[in-house]
Each structure stands twice: as C-alpha cells, then as structure tokens.
Amino acid sequence: MSKEQLETNIAALELLVNETADKSIGFKAQLEQAKQELADINKPVLTPSQLDDIQEAIEKGVDSFDFSDTGNYDIEYGIEYDGKIHCESHELNDTYKLVEMITDKVHALFVEAEELDTTEVDNHA
C-alpha cells in the first residue's frame, strides 16, 4: 500500500470509529431508559401534589425530632495539647426514633389496603 492509500484508509477507519461511538452512546442511553422503565413498572403513580405531601410529611417528621437532645448521641471527647477539650467524634444513636417519626407522618397520608389472600380456592363452583 502506498502512503496515500494508508492515510485514506486511516481517515475512513477513524470516521467509522466516530460513527460507531456516537451510535453506542445512543444505545447506552436507550438501554438506561429501558432499565429505568422496567424498575418503575410496578411503582404506584403519584401526582406532583402527592409528592409534595410526602415531602412535607418527611419535613414534619424530621422537624419533630429533637436533634439538640444530647441523649440522642454517643460523644467521644479528646484533650488537645494545650488542655482544651474537644469532640473527637459524635454519632447519632436511636435513629429508629427518627425513622418512626418520618414513617408515621408519611403513613398518615395514605389508607392501607388489605392484601388479597390468593391462596384460598373457591370450592363452591
């Protein structure tokens, strides 16, 4: 092959690589969208107003938690070289209380449906 033929071949291959990369990006986007649609298929559909109500309920649950109560934390103290005491670490314990407060507020927005018992067989037929 001559130099010109090789340069032409390289240019053509680079063009094909670029076109394939563009198509690949499009296919990846379609694949991610299809995966998201599959994940969302059995989720209940909510209106923007309902989503706002859920957000407000979560905010009320968090607001009602007493973050200033030092009994809610495990605190480890340390002493610096100059004698000052400082907090080495602190950890929020009893997070279940916060979760319960949020859950109660969110559950108050809904009416719980009774689950259907699909194991019963109608023998009267």
Protein backbone atom coordinates (compact mmCIF):
# COMPACT_ATOMS: atom_id res chain seq x y z
CA MET A 1 0.00 0.00 0.00
CA SER A 2 1.11 3.49 -0.70
CA LYS A 3 1.26 6.30 1.82
CA GLU A 4 -1.84 7.98 0.32
CA GLN A 5 -3.84 4.75 0.45
CA LEU A 6 -2.87 4.20 4.10
CA GLU A 7 -3.83 7.79 5.02
CA THR A 8 -7.18 7.37 3.24
CA ASN A 9 -7.73 4.03 4.99
CA ILE A 10 -6.89 5.59 8.38
CA ALA A 11 -9.26 8.51 7.78
CA ALA A 12 -12.07 6.11 6.80
CA LEU A 13 -11.47 3.94 9.85
CA GLU A 14 -11.44 6.98 12.16
CA LEU A 15 -14.75 8.10 10.65
CA LEU A 16 -16.23 4.64 11.23
CA VAL A 17 -14.97 4.60 14.83
CA ASN A 18 -16.53 8.02 15.49
CA GLU A 19 -19.86 7.00 13.94
CA THR A 20 -19.90 3.75 15.93
CA ALA A 21 -19.10 5.62 19.14
CA ASP A 22 -22.00 8.01 18.54
CA LYS A 23 -24.36 5.08 17.94
CA SER A 24 -23.00 3.33 21.04
CA ILE A 25 -23.77 6.39 23.17
CA GLY A 26 -27.32 6.43 21.80
CA PHE A 27 -27.78 2.73 22.51
CA LYS A 28 -26.44 3.15 26.04
CA ALA A 29 -28.93 5.95 26.69
CA GLN A 30 -31.77 3.79 25.35
CA LEU A 31 -30.60 0.87 27.49
CA GLU A 32 -30.54 3.01 30.65
CA GLN A 33 -34.00 4.38 29.86
CA ALA A 34 -35.38 0.84 29.33
CA LYS A 35 -33.82 -0.31 32.63
CA GLN A 36 -35.39 2.64 34.44
CA GLU A 37 -38.79 1.95 32.87
CA LEU A 38 -38.54 -1.70 33.97
CA ALA A 39 -37.64 -0.64 37.52
CA ASP A 40 -40.60 1.79 37.56
CA ILE A 41 -43.16 -0.59 36.02
CA ASN A 42 -44.77 -1.67 39.33
CA LYS A 43 -44.37 1.60 41.20
CA PRO A 44 -47.55 3.48 42.01
CA VAL A 45 -48.02 6.67 40.05
CA LEU A 46 -48.26 9.83 42.16
CA THR A 47 -49.27 13.32 41.21
CA PRO A 48 -46.94 16.25 41.87
CA SER A 49 -49.29 17.30 44.67
CA GLN A 50 -48.99 13.88 46.32
CA LEU A 51 -45.20 14.00 46.05
CA ASP A 52 -45.27 17.43 47.69
CA ASP A 53 -47.41 16.00 50.50
CA ILE A 54 -44.85 13.24 51.06
CA GLN A 55 -42.01 15.74 51.15
CA GLU A 56 -43.90 17.88 53.66
CA ALA A 57 -44.59 14.81 55.82
CA ILE A 58 -40.90 13.93 55.85
CA GLU A 59 -40.01 17.51 56.75
CA LYS A 60 -42.52 17.45 59.63
CA GLY A 61 -41.09 14.14 60.87
CA VAL A 62 -37.53 15.47 60.82
CA ASP A 63 -38.61 18.77 62.39
CA SER A 64 -40.27 16.93 65.29
CA PHE A 65 -37.06 15.04 66.13
CA ASP A 66 -35.06 16.68 68.91
CA PHE A 67 -31.56 16.96 67.46
CA SER A 68 -30.47 19.14 70.38
CA ASP A 69 -31.06 16.37 72.93
CA THR A 70 -27.56 15.18 73.80
CA GLY A 71 -29.02 11.85 74.90
CA ASN A 72 -29.54 11.07 71.23
CA TYR A 73 -25.78 11.00 70.61
CA ASP A 74 -22.74 8.99 71.60
CA ILE A 75 -19.95 11.53 72.04
CA GLU A 76 -16.24 10.84 72.45
CA TYR A 77 -14.15 13.66 73.83
CA GLY A 78 -10.46 14.34 73.48
CA ILE A 79 -7.93 16.65 75.06
CA GLU A 80 -5.61 18.78 72.95
CA TYR A 81 -2.02 19.54 73.93
CA ASP A 82 -2.99 22.95 75.27
CA GLY A 83 -5.57 21.39 77.62
CA LYS A 84 -8.65 22.21 75.56
CA ILE A 85 -11.36 19.56 75.43
CA HIS A 86 -12.89 18.84 72.06
CA CYS A 87 -15.28 16.40 70.50
CA GLU A 88 -13.36 13.58 68.82
CA SER A 89 -16.49 12.06 67.31
CA HIS A 90 -20.22 12.01 67.72
CA GLU A 91 -22.73 9.51 66.45
CA LEU A 92 -26.49 9.75 66.29
CA ASN A 93 -27.97 6.78 68.09
CA ASP A 94 -31.60 5.74 68.32
CA THR A 95 -32.12 6.54 64.64
CA TYR A 96 -35.14 4.26 64.78
CA LYS A 97 -36.98 7.09 66.58
CA LEU A 98 -36.33 9.44 63.66
CA VAL A 99 -37.38 6.76 61.17
CA GLU A 100 -40.58 6.11 63.15
CA MET A 101 -41.45 9.81 63.21
CA ILE A 102 -40.98 10.13 59.46
CA THR A 103 -42.81 6.87 58.74
CA ASP A 104 -45.78 7.90 60.90
CA LYS A 105 -46.10 11.20 59.04
CA VAL A 106 -45.90 9.53 55.61
CA HIS A 107 -48.28 6.71 56.56
CA ALA A 108 -50.82 9.29 57.70
CA LEU A 109 -51.11 10.39 54.07
CA PHE A 110 -52.37 7.00 52.89
CA VAL A 111 -55.03 4.43 53.62
CA GLU A 112 -53.56 0.96 53.86
CA ALA A 113 -55.22 -1.55 51.56
CA GLU A 114 -55.98 -5.04 52.71
CA GLU A 115 -53.92 -7.67 50.96
CA LEU A 116 -55.88 -10.21 48.97
CA ASP A 117 -55.41 -13.82 50.01
CA THR A 118 -54.74 -15.58 46.71
CA THR A 119 -54.20 -18.99 48.32
CA GLU A 120 -57.91 -19.57 49.01
CA VAL A 121 -59.71 -21.69 46.45
CA ASP A 122 -63.42 -21.33 45.83
CA ASN A 123 -64.88 -24.80 46.32
CA HIS A 124 -68.48 -23.74 45.64
CA ALA A 125 -68.16 -23.81 41.87
